[in-house]
N, C-alpha and C. Protein backbone atom coordinates (compact mmCIF):
# COMPACT_ATOMS: atom_id res chain seq x y z
N MET A 1 63.08 -34.92 41.04
CA MET A 1 62.98 -34.71 42.35
C MET A 1 64.06 -33.59 42.75
N LYS A 2 65.33 -33.87 42.22
CA LYS A 2 66.38 -32.76 42.58
C LYS A 2 66.02 -31.47 41.92
N ILE A 3 65.48 -31.37 40.68
CA ILE A 3 65.24 -30.08 40.11
C ILE A 3 64.11 -29.37 41.10
N THR A 4 63.08 -29.97 41.55
CA THR A 4 62.06 -29.48 42.27
C THR A 4 62.74 -28.92 43.67
N HIS A 5 63.56 -29.69 44.03
CA HIS A 5 64.23 -29.16 45.54
C HIS A 5 65.06 -28.08 45.19
N TYR A 6 65.82 -28.02 44.05
CA TYR A 6 66.62 -26.79 43.77
C TYR A 6 65.83 -25.62 43.57
N ARG A 7 64.68 -25.79 42.89
CA ARG A 7 63.84 -24.56 42.61
C ARG A 7 63.43 -24.12 44.05
N PHE A 8 63.02 -25.01 44.95
CA PHE A 8 62.42 -24.63 46.24
C PHE A 8 63.47 -24.04 46.96
N ALA A 9 64.75 -24.43 46.92
CA ALA A 9 65.88 -23.81 47.67
C ALA A 9 66.16 -22.51 47.22
N LEU A 10 66.11 -22.20 45.86
CA LEU A 10 66.18 -21.00 45.16
C LEU A 10 65.16 -20.03 45.49
N GLY A 11 63.86 -20.48 45.51
CA GLY A 11 62.85 -19.76 46.07
C GLY A 11 62.83 -19.28 47.44
N LEU A 12 63.36 -20.17 48.17
CA LEU A 12 63.57 -19.72 49.70
C LEU A 12 64.71 -18.49 49.72
N PHE A 13 65.69 -18.77 48.94
CA PHE A 13 66.74 -17.76 48.96
C PHE A 13 66.25 -16.44 48.37
N LEU A 14 65.42 -16.37 47.38
CA LEU A 14 65.04 -15.19 46.79
C LEU A 14 63.94 -14.40 47.86
N ILE A 15 63.22 -15.38 48.60
CA ILE A 15 62.34 -14.84 49.54
C ILE A 15 62.95 -14.12 50.66
N THR A 16 64.02 -14.81 51.12
CA THR A 16 64.79 -14.35 52.39
C THR A 16 65.63 -12.98 52.05
N PHE A 17 65.94 -12.91 50.77
CA PHE A 17 66.78 -11.77 50.37
C PHE A 17 65.81 -10.51 50.29
N SER A 18 66.21 -9.48 51.01
CA SER A 18 65.48 -8.27 51.07
C SER A 18 66.42 -7.04 51.02
N SER A 19 65.94 -5.94 50.76
CA SER A 19 66.81 -4.70 50.84
C SER A 19 66.23 -3.63 51.66
N VAL A 20 66.92 -2.84 52.28
CA VAL A 20 66.39 -1.88 53.26
C VAL A 20 66.44 -0.47 52.56
N ASP A 21 65.40 0.23 52.47
CA ASP A 21 65.35 1.65 51.80
C ASP A 21 66.07 2.55 52.78
N ALA A 22 66.80 3.35 52.22
CA ALA A 22 67.61 4.46 52.97
C ALA A 22 66.56 5.57 53.27
N ALA A 23 66.74 6.05 54.47
CA ALA A 23 66.05 7.28 54.78
C ALA A 23 66.77 8.52 54.31
N THR A 24 65.92 9.53 53.90
CA THR A 24 66.50 10.83 53.43
C THR A 24 66.09 11.76 54.57
N ILE A 25 67.18 12.31 55.26
CA ILE A 25 66.96 13.33 56.21
C ILE A 25 67.51 14.70 55.68
N GLN A 26 66.39 15.70 55.74
CA GLN A 26 66.73 17.02 55.21
C GLN A 26 67.10 17.82 56.46
N THR A 27 68.24 18.61 56.46
CA THR A 27 68.48 19.51 57.48
C THR A 27 67.82 20.82 57.21
N GLY A 28 67.79 21.54 58.25
CA GLY A 28 66.97 22.90 58.18
C GLY A 28 66.93 23.56 59.48
N PRO A 29 66.16 24.55 59.59
CA PRO A 29 66.08 25.21 60.87
C PRO A 29 65.98 24.45 62.12
N SER A 30 65.19 23.32 62.12
CA SER A 30 65.05 22.65 63.29
C SER A 30 65.55 21.08 63.17
N CYS A 31 66.49 21.00 62.23
CA CYS A 31 67.28 19.70 62.09
C CYS A 31 68.53 19.96 61.63
N SER A 32 69.48 20.11 62.53
CA SER A 32 70.89 20.51 62.19
C SER A 32 71.54 19.35 61.68
N LEU A 33 72.71 19.63 61.14
CA LEU A 33 73.53 18.57 60.55
C LEU A 33 73.97 17.49 61.72
N ALA A 34 74.22 18.04 62.92
CA ALA A 34 74.70 17.23 64.03
C ALA A 34 73.34 16.27 64.40
N GLN A 35 72.21 16.82 64.44
CA GLN A 35 70.89 16.08 64.76
C GLN A 35 70.74 15.12 63.70
N ALA A 36 70.89 15.31 62.43
CA ALA A 36 70.65 14.47 61.26
C ALA A 36 71.56 13.31 61.42
N ILE A 37 72.81 13.42 61.76
CA ILE A 37 73.83 12.38 61.79
C ILE A 37 73.46 11.52 63.05
N LEU A 38 72.95 12.14 64.05
CA LEU A 38 72.63 11.37 65.26
C LEU A 38 71.50 10.54 65.05
N SER A 39 70.47 11.17 64.26
CA SER A 39 69.18 10.42 63.84
C SER A 39 69.57 9.20 63.01
N ALA A 40 70.66 9.43 62.00
CA ALA A 40 70.90 8.34 61.21
C ALA A 40 71.75 7.34 61.95
N GLU A 41 72.65 7.64 63.00
CA GLU A 41 73.54 6.63 63.70
C GLU A 41 72.44 5.90 64.67
N MET A 42 71.54 6.51 65.29
CA MET A 42 70.74 5.94 66.37
C MET A 42 69.42 5.40 65.96
N ASN A 43 69.10 5.61 64.60
CA ASN A 43 67.83 5.12 64.11
C ASN A 43 66.74 5.67 64.93
N ALA A 44 66.74 6.89 65.22
CA ALA A 44 65.68 7.60 65.99
C ALA A 44 65.65 8.98 65.44
N SER A 45 64.68 9.75 66.10
CA SER A 45 64.42 11.19 65.43
C SER A 45 65.04 12.18 66.55
N TYR A 46 65.80 13.01 66.20
CA TYR A 46 66.47 14.11 66.85
C TYR A 46 66.08 15.38 66.41
N GLY A 47 65.59 16.42 67.19
CA GLY A 47 65.23 17.64 66.46
C GLY A 47 63.93 17.37 65.86
N SER A 48 63.77 17.87 64.51
CA SER A 48 62.62 17.60 63.82
C SER A 48 63.08 16.67 62.59
N CYS A 49 64.28 15.94 62.78
CA CYS A 49 64.79 15.02 61.83
C CYS A 49 63.91 13.88 61.56
N VAL A 50 63.80 13.18 60.40
CA VAL A 50 63.25 11.84 60.39
C VAL A 50 63.99 10.82 61.01
N VAL A 51 63.44 9.74 61.34
CA VAL A 51 64.02 8.67 61.83
C VAL A 51 64.96 7.93 60.82
N GLY A 52 66.20 7.67 61.25
CA GLY A 52 67.24 7.10 60.44
C GLY A 52 67.09 5.55 60.28
N THR A 53 67.67 5.07 59.34
CA THR A 53 67.72 3.52 59.06
C THR A 53 69.21 3.13 59.12
N SER A 54 69.45 1.90 58.72
CA SER A 54 70.80 1.45 58.71
C SER A 54 71.65 2.07 57.51
N SER A 55 71.02 2.59 56.64
CA SER A 55 71.69 3.35 55.54
C SER A 55 70.88 4.61 55.30
N ASP A 56 71.59 5.81 55.41
CA ASP A 56 70.78 7.12 55.35
C ASP A 56 71.45 8.01 54.41
N VAL A 57 70.67 8.89 53.87
CA VAL A 57 71.23 10.05 53.02
C VAL A 57 70.73 11.32 53.72
N ILE A 58 71.68 12.12 53.96
CA ILE A 58 71.46 13.45 54.55
C ILE A 58 71.60 14.55 53.56
N ARG A 59 70.70 15.37 53.28
CA ARG A 59 70.71 16.50 52.48
C ARG A 59 71.00 17.75 53.31
N VAL A 60 71.97 18.52 53.04
CA VAL A 60 72.35 19.67 53.91
C VAL A 60 71.74 20.88 53.04
N ASN A 61 70.79 21.55 53.65
CA ASN A 61 70.01 22.57 52.99
C ASN A 61 70.36 24.06 53.40
N GLN A 62 71.21 24.17 54.28
CA GLN A 62 71.75 25.46 54.86
C GLN A 62 73.21 25.50 55.27
N ASP A 63 73.76 26.60 55.30
CA ASP A 63 75.04 26.66 55.96
C ASP A 63 74.91 26.60 57.44
N GLU A 64 75.91 26.02 58.12
CA GLU A 64 75.79 25.92 59.60
C GLU A 64 76.96 26.27 60.31
N LEU A 65 76.82 26.74 61.44
CA LEU A 65 77.95 27.06 62.41
C LEU A 65 77.84 26.01 63.63
N VAL A 66 78.91 25.19 63.73
CA VAL A 66 79.14 24.21 64.74
C VAL A 66 79.90 24.78 65.76
N GLN A 67 79.57 25.05 66.99
CA GLN A 67 80.30 25.75 68.05
C GLN A 67 80.55 24.76 69.28
N ASN A 68 81.86 24.87 69.61
CA ASN A 68 82.32 24.23 71.01
C ASN A 68 82.01 22.69 70.97
N ILE A 69 82.80 22.02 71.67
CA ILE A 69 82.59 20.65 71.96
C ILE A 69 82.70 20.53 73.41
N PRO A 70 81.63 20.27 74.22
CA PRO A 70 81.67 20.02 75.56
C PRO A 70 82.53 18.65 75.88
N SER A 71 83.21 18.65 76.84
CA SER A 71 84.05 17.47 77.31
C SER A 71 83.13 16.21 77.41
N GLY A 72 83.43 15.14 76.81
CA GLY A 72 82.67 13.88 76.85
C GLY A 72 81.35 13.99 76.08
N THR A 73 81.25 14.69 74.98
CA THR A 73 79.99 14.88 74.18
C THR A 73 79.49 13.55 73.83
N TYR A 74 80.15 12.62 73.42
CA TYR A 74 79.83 11.32 73.13
C TYR A 74 80.83 10.34 73.64
N PRO A 75 80.23 9.20 74.14
CA PRO A 75 81.18 8.22 74.84
C PRO A 75 82.39 7.75 73.94
N ASP A 76 82.34 8.08 72.58
CA ASP A 76 83.38 7.67 71.58
C ASP A 76 84.35 8.77 71.50
N GLY A 77 84.24 9.83 72.20
CA GLY A 77 85.34 10.79 72.12
C GLY A 77 84.68 12.32 71.83
N ASN A 78 85.45 13.29 72.03
CA ASN A 78 84.98 14.62 71.78
C ASN A 78 84.84 15.03 70.29
N ASN A 79 83.81 14.66 69.62
CA ASN A 79 83.58 14.79 68.22
C ASN A 79 82.39 15.76 68.20
N ALA A 80 82.38 16.67 67.26
CA ALA A 80 81.15 17.57 67.08
C ALA A 80 79.92 16.71 66.61
N PHE A 81 80.14 15.63 65.88
CA PHE A 81 79.20 14.82 65.28
C PHE A 81 79.32 13.36 65.84
N LYS A 82 78.20 12.84 66.18
CA LYS A 82 78.15 11.36 66.54
C LYS A 82 79.08 10.49 65.72
N ALA A 83 79.80 9.62 66.21
CA ALA A 83 80.68 8.64 65.48
C ALA A 83 79.88 7.95 64.53
N THR A 84 80.42 7.87 63.24
CA THR A 84 79.78 7.06 62.25
C THR A 84 80.13 5.70 62.28
N THR A 85 79.13 4.80 62.53
CA THR A 85 79.33 3.37 62.45
C THR A 85 78.40 2.59 61.42
N SER A 86 77.43 3.42 60.80
CA SER A 86 76.62 2.96 59.82
C SER A 86 76.96 3.49 58.47
N ASN A 87 75.94 3.32 57.64
CA ASN A 87 76.27 3.74 56.14
C ASN A 87 75.56 5.18 55.95
N ILE A 88 76.33 6.20 55.70
CA ILE A 88 75.73 7.54 55.62
C ILE A 88 76.33 8.13 54.44
N THR A 89 75.50 8.82 53.73
CA THR A 89 75.82 9.70 52.59
C THR A 89 75.34 11.11 52.86
N ILE A 90 76.28 12.09 52.88
CA ILE A 90 75.87 13.51 53.09
C ILE A 90 76.02 14.21 51.85
N ILE A 91 74.94 14.81 51.31
CA ILE A 91 74.87 15.65 50.14
C ILE A 91 74.82 16.98 50.58
N GLY A 92 75.91 17.81 50.19
CA GLY A 92 76.06 19.05 50.88
C GLY A 92 75.46 20.34 50.12
N ASN A 93 75.14 20.01 48.80
CA ASN A 93 74.65 20.99 47.92
C ASN A 93 75.34 22.35 47.90
N GLY A 94 76.61 22.06 48.00
CA GLY A 94 77.66 23.30 47.95
C GLY A 94 77.53 24.05 49.15
N ARG A 95 76.99 23.81 50.34
CA ARG A 95 76.89 24.52 51.47
C ARG A 95 78.27 24.56 52.33
N THR A 96 78.19 25.32 53.33
CA THR A 96 79.51 25.42 54.20
C THR A 96 79.10 25.19 55.59
N VAL A 97 79.98 24.31 56.22
CA VAL A 97 79.82 23.98 57.75
C VAL A 97 81.14 24.68 58.30
N THR A 98 80.74 25.58 59.19
CA THR A 98 81.83 26.27 59.99
C THR A 98 81.94 25.86 61.30
N PHE A 99 83.13 25.50 61.71
CA PHE A 99 83.63 24.88 62.98
C PHE A 99 84.24 25.99 63.95
N GLN A 100 83.65 26.17 65.00
CA GLN A 100 84.38 27.07 65.98
C GLN A 100 84.45 26.37 67.37
N ASN A 101 85.62 26.10 67.64
CA ASN A 101 85.97 25.34 68.97
C ASN A 101 86.80 26.03 69.88
N ASN A 102 86.36 26.96 70.71
CA ASN A 102 87.07 27.73 71.56
C ASN A 102 86.73 27.42 73.08
N SER A 103 86.26 26.11 73.22
CA SER A 103 85.78 25.70 74.46
C SER A 103 86.97 25.27 75.44
N GLY A 104 88.05 25.08 74.95
CA GLY A 104 89.29 24.51 75.58
C GLY A 104 89.30 23.00 75.64
N THR A 105 88.30 22.41 75.01
CA THR A 105 88.21 20.82 74.93
C THR A 105 88.65 20.49 73.48
N PRO A 106 89.82 19.81 73.38
CA PRO A 106 90.09 19.41 71.96
C PRO A 106 89.03 18.54 71.33
N GLY A 107 88.69 18.75 69.95
CA GLY A 107 87.81 17.98 69.34
C GLY A 107 87.95 18.02 67.91
N ARG A 108 87.30 17.23 67.17
CA ARG A 108 87.15 17.09 65.78
C ARG A 108 85.66 17.07 65.34
N LEU A 109 85.45 17.15 63.89
CA LEU A 109 84.14 17.11 63.49
C LEU A 109 83.70 15.60 63.37
N PHE A 110 84.48 14.80 62.64
CA PHE A 110 83.95 13.44 62.34
C PHE A 110 84.87 12.32 62.98
N ASN A 111 84.28 11.32 63.44
CA ASN A 111 84.91 10.07 64.04
C ASN A 111 84.25 8.90 63.20
N VAL A 112 84.92 8.30 62.29
CA VAL A 112 84.33 7.19 61.42
C VAL A 112 84.83 5.91 61.85
N VAL A 113 84.04 5.12 62.54
CA VAL A 113 84.66 3.90 63.25
C VAL A 113 83.90 2.81 62.52
N GLY A 114 84.53 1.97 61.65
CA GLY A 114 83.76 0.83 61.04
C GLY A 114 82.55 1.08 60.17
N GLY A 115 82.24 2.41 59.87
CA GLY A 115 81.23 2.71 59.14
C GLY A 115 81.63 3.16 57.80
N ASN A 116 80.63 3.49 56.82
CA ASN A 116 80.87 4.07 55.53
C ASN A 116 80.21 5.38 55.49
N LEU A 117 81.19 6.35 55.20
CA LEU A 117 80.72 7.80 55.19
C LEU A 117 81.15 8.30 53.75
N GLN A 118 80.20 8.73 53.07
CA GLN A 118 80.41 9.37 51.73
C GLN A 118 79.79 10.96 51.89
N ILE A 119 80.69 11.80 51.55
CA ILE A 119 80.44 13.28 51.62
C ILE A 119 80.48 13.91 50.32
N ASN A 120 79.64 14.47 49.79
CA ASN A 120 79.56 15.10 48.33
C ASN A 120 79.20 16.49 48.44
N SER A 121 79.92 17.38 47.80
CA SER A 121 79.62 18.75 47.50
C SER A 121 79.36 19.50 48.92
N LEU A 122 80.30 19.57 49.67
CA LEU A 122 80.25 20.34 51.05
C LEU A 122 81.58 20.97 51.37
N ASN A 123 81.47 22.13 52.03
CA ASN A 123 82.79 22.85 52.38
C ASN A 123 82.80 22.84 53.86
N PHE A 124 84.09 22.66 54.40
CA PHE A 124 84.16 22.73 55.85
C PHE A 124 85.33 23.62 56.19
N GLU A 125 85.11 24.54 57.17
CA GLU A 125 86.18 25.41 57.45
C GLU A 125 86.17 25.78 58.93
N ILE A 126 87.17 26.13 59.52
CA ILE A 126 87.49 26.40 60.91
C ILE A 126 87.65 27.85 61.14
N LEU A 127 86.98 28.45 62.04
CA LEU A 127 87.31 29.74 62.32
C LEU A 127 88.62 30.16 62.96
N PRO A 128 89.30 31.21 62.54
CA PRO A 128 90.42 31.52 63.18
C PRO A 128 90.31 31.68 64.68
N GLY A 129 91.25 31.41 65.35
CA GLY A 129 91.33 31.48 66.88
C GLY A 129 90.91 30.19 67.54
N ASN A 130 90.82 29.16 66.77
CA ASN A 130 90.44 27.90 67.29
C ASN A 130 91.63 27.53 68.22
N THR A 131 91.29 27.24 69.59
CA THR A 131 92.38 27.08 70.56
C THR A 131 92.47 25.68 71.03
N SER A 132 91.75 24.91 70.49
CA SER A 132 91.83 23.37 70.93
C SER A 132 91.98 22.33 69.84
N LEU A 133 93.26 22.08 69.59
CA LEU A 133 93.49 21.21 68.59
C LEU A 133 93.69 19.70 69.23
N ILE A 134 92.93 18.82 68.62
CA ILE A 134 93.09 17.43 69.09
C ILE A 134 94.37 16.79 68.59
N ASP A 135 94.80 15.71 69.20
CA ASP A 135 96.01 15.11 68.79
C ASP A 135 96.17 14.57 67.41
N ASP A 136 95.15 13.86 66.95
CA ASP A 136 95.20 13.27 65.54
C ASP A 136 93.98 13.57 64.82
N GLY A 137 94.17 13.98 63.47
CA GLY A 137 92.83 14.20 62.69
C GLY A 137 92.03 15.25 63.12
N GLY A 138 92.38 16.52 63.02
CA GLY A 138 91.68 17.73 63.35
C GLY A 138 90.28 17.85 62.62
N PHE A 139 90.03 17.29 61.55
CA PHE A 139 88.79 17.22 60.86
C PHE A 139 88.12 15.91 61.00
N MET A 140 88.94 14.72 60.88
CA MET A 140 88.23 13.47 60.82
C MET A 140 89.22 12.45 61.38
N LEU A 141 88.78 11.52 62.07
CA LEU A 141 89.64 10.24 62.46
C LEU A 141 88.77 9.22 61.71
N ALA A 142 89.44 8.34 60.92
CA ALA A 142 88.83 7.22 60.12
C ALA A 142 89.58 5.97 60.60
N SER A 143 88.84 4.99 61.09
CA SER A 143 89.41 3.74 61.67
C SER A 143 88.55 2.43 61.33
N GLY A 144 89.13 1.74 60.40
CA GLY A 144 88.33 0.57 60.08
C GLY A 144 87.13 0.77 59.26
N SER A 145 87.09 1.70 58.49
CA SER A 145 86.02 2.29 57.79
C SER A 145 86.31 2.67 56.25
N THR A 146 85.36 3.11 55.50
CA THR A 146 85.46 3.52 54.13
C THR A 146 84.89 4.90 54.25
N VAL A 147 85.79 5.90 53.76
CA VAL A 147 85.44 7.36 53.64
C VAL A 147 85.59 7.72 52.17
N GLY A 148 84.58 8.30 51.68
CA GLY A 148 84.67 9.08 50.30
C GLY A 148 84.36 10.48 50.36
N LEU A 149 85.14 11.23 49.63
CA LEU A 149 85.01 12.65 49.66
C LEU A 149 84.91 13.07 48.20
N THR A 150 83.98 13.74 47.78
CA THR A 150 83.79 14.19 46.48
C THR A 150 83.38 15.63 46.36
N MET A 151 84.22 16.42 45.80
CA MET A 151 83.94 17.96 45.74
C MET A 151 83.83 18.52 47.08
N VAL A 152 84.75 18.06 47.90
CA VAL A 152 84.76 18.42 49.49
C VAL A 152 85.76 19.44 49.54
N ASN A 153 85.68 20.55 50.35
CA ASN A 153 86.76 21.48 50.62
C ASN A 153 87.04 21.40 52.04
N ILE A 154 88.17 21.21 52.66
CA ILE A 154 88.52 21.01 54.05
C ILE A 154 89.60 22.29 54.26
N ASN A 155 89.26 23.31 55.00
CA ASN A 155 90.02 24.42 55.23
C ASN A 155 90.40 24.85 56.67
N GLY A 156 91.75 24.82 56.94
CA GLY A 156 92.12 25.50 58.21
C GLY A 156 92.10 24.36 59.42
N PHE A 157 91.89 23.21 59.23
CA PHE A 157 91.83 22.15 60.39
C PHE A 157 93.34 21.73 60.49
N GLY A 158 93.61 21.33 61.81
CA GLY A 158 94.92 20.90 62.19
C GLY A 158 94.94 20.12 63.24
N ALA A 159 96.12 19.42 63.68
CA ALA A 159 96.19 18.48 64.78
C ALA A 159 97.66 18.68 65.36
N ASN A 160 97.57 18.26 66.65
CA ASN A 160 98.99 18.40 67.43
C ASN A 160 99.89 17.38 66.84
N ASN A 161 99.57 16.21 66.48
CA ASN A 161 100.53 15.06 66.21
C ASN A 161 100.39 14.77 64.75
N SER A 162 99.41 13.89 64.34
CA SER A 162 99.35 13.30 62.96
C SER A 162 98.03 13.66 62.23
N GLY A 163 98.14 13.65 60.91
CA GLY A 163 96.88 13.71 60.18
C GLY A 163 96.26 15.04 60.45
N GLY A 164 96.82 16.08 60.03
CA GLY A 164 96.35 17.49 60.28
C GLY A 164 94.92 17.54 60.07
N ALA A 165 94.40 17.27 58.90
CA ALA A 165 93.04 17.35 58.64
C ALA A 165 92.37 15.90 58.89
N ILE A 166 92.98 14.82 58.27
CA ILE A 166 92.42 13.47 58.32
C ILE A 166 93.48 12.44 58.84
N PHE A 167 93.10 11.77 59.95
CA PHE A 167 94.05 10.70 60.37
C PHE A 167 93.31 9.36 60.06
N SER A 168 93.96 8.34 59.44
CA SER A 168 93.51 7.20 59.01
C SER A 168 94.14 5.98 59.64
N GLN A 169 93.29 5.12 60.18
CA GLN A 169 93.92 3.83 60.72
C GLN A 169 93.14 2.66 60.12
N ASN A 170 93.84 1.89 59.30
CA ASN A 170 93.17 0.77 58.68
C ASN A 170 91.74 1.17 57.89
N ALA A 171 91.85 2.28 57.31
CA ALA A 171 90.54 2.77 56.58
C ALA A 171 90.85 2.93 55.20
N ASN A 172 89.75 2.78 54.33
CA ASN A 172 89.79 3.07 52.90
C ASN A 172 89.31 4.54 52.59
N LEU A 173 90.28 5.42 52.21
CA LEU A 173 89.91 6.66 51.95
C LEU A 173 90.03 6.92 50.36
N TYR A 174 89.00 7.54 49.81
CA TYR A 174 88.97 7.97 48.35
C TYR A 174 88.36 9.24 48.08
N TRP A 175 88.86 9.98 47.13
CA TRP A 175 88.24 11.40 46.68
C TRP A 175 88.55 11.52 45.29
């Protein structure tokens, strides 16, 4: 009787365990990196990007220019990209993301809050003349999260106070 019950419990455990397939979001002329990250975070479609899931892979297929951050872009701060709170892997294919922020509003590219962000083979640069330095982490603020950077170049980002390129608060960073 115990053996049958054990198998039944094991069977229920195996039946209730499932995995979620990651969405693959391809950037292109009508799906920018910002829209792809927004699709991944909101589990919805922005631009012509596919709908994200709880774990997503974003493939960057073109160089991009990210311009200006309007004040209050997202409720979580003045970031060029929606704050990362889920699991996102960005595969850059050696492409370059160029940031130009001459709006007068301080901002950064990434704010990773409690999520997992892995960036592979992608270059980030800021154009000369950037007039709006944020206080901490000019490229990324990582808080309570895990961030991995593999073959990533970060050039020209700075901050007024701490963490010129990356400011970390209780986060796991690896490269």
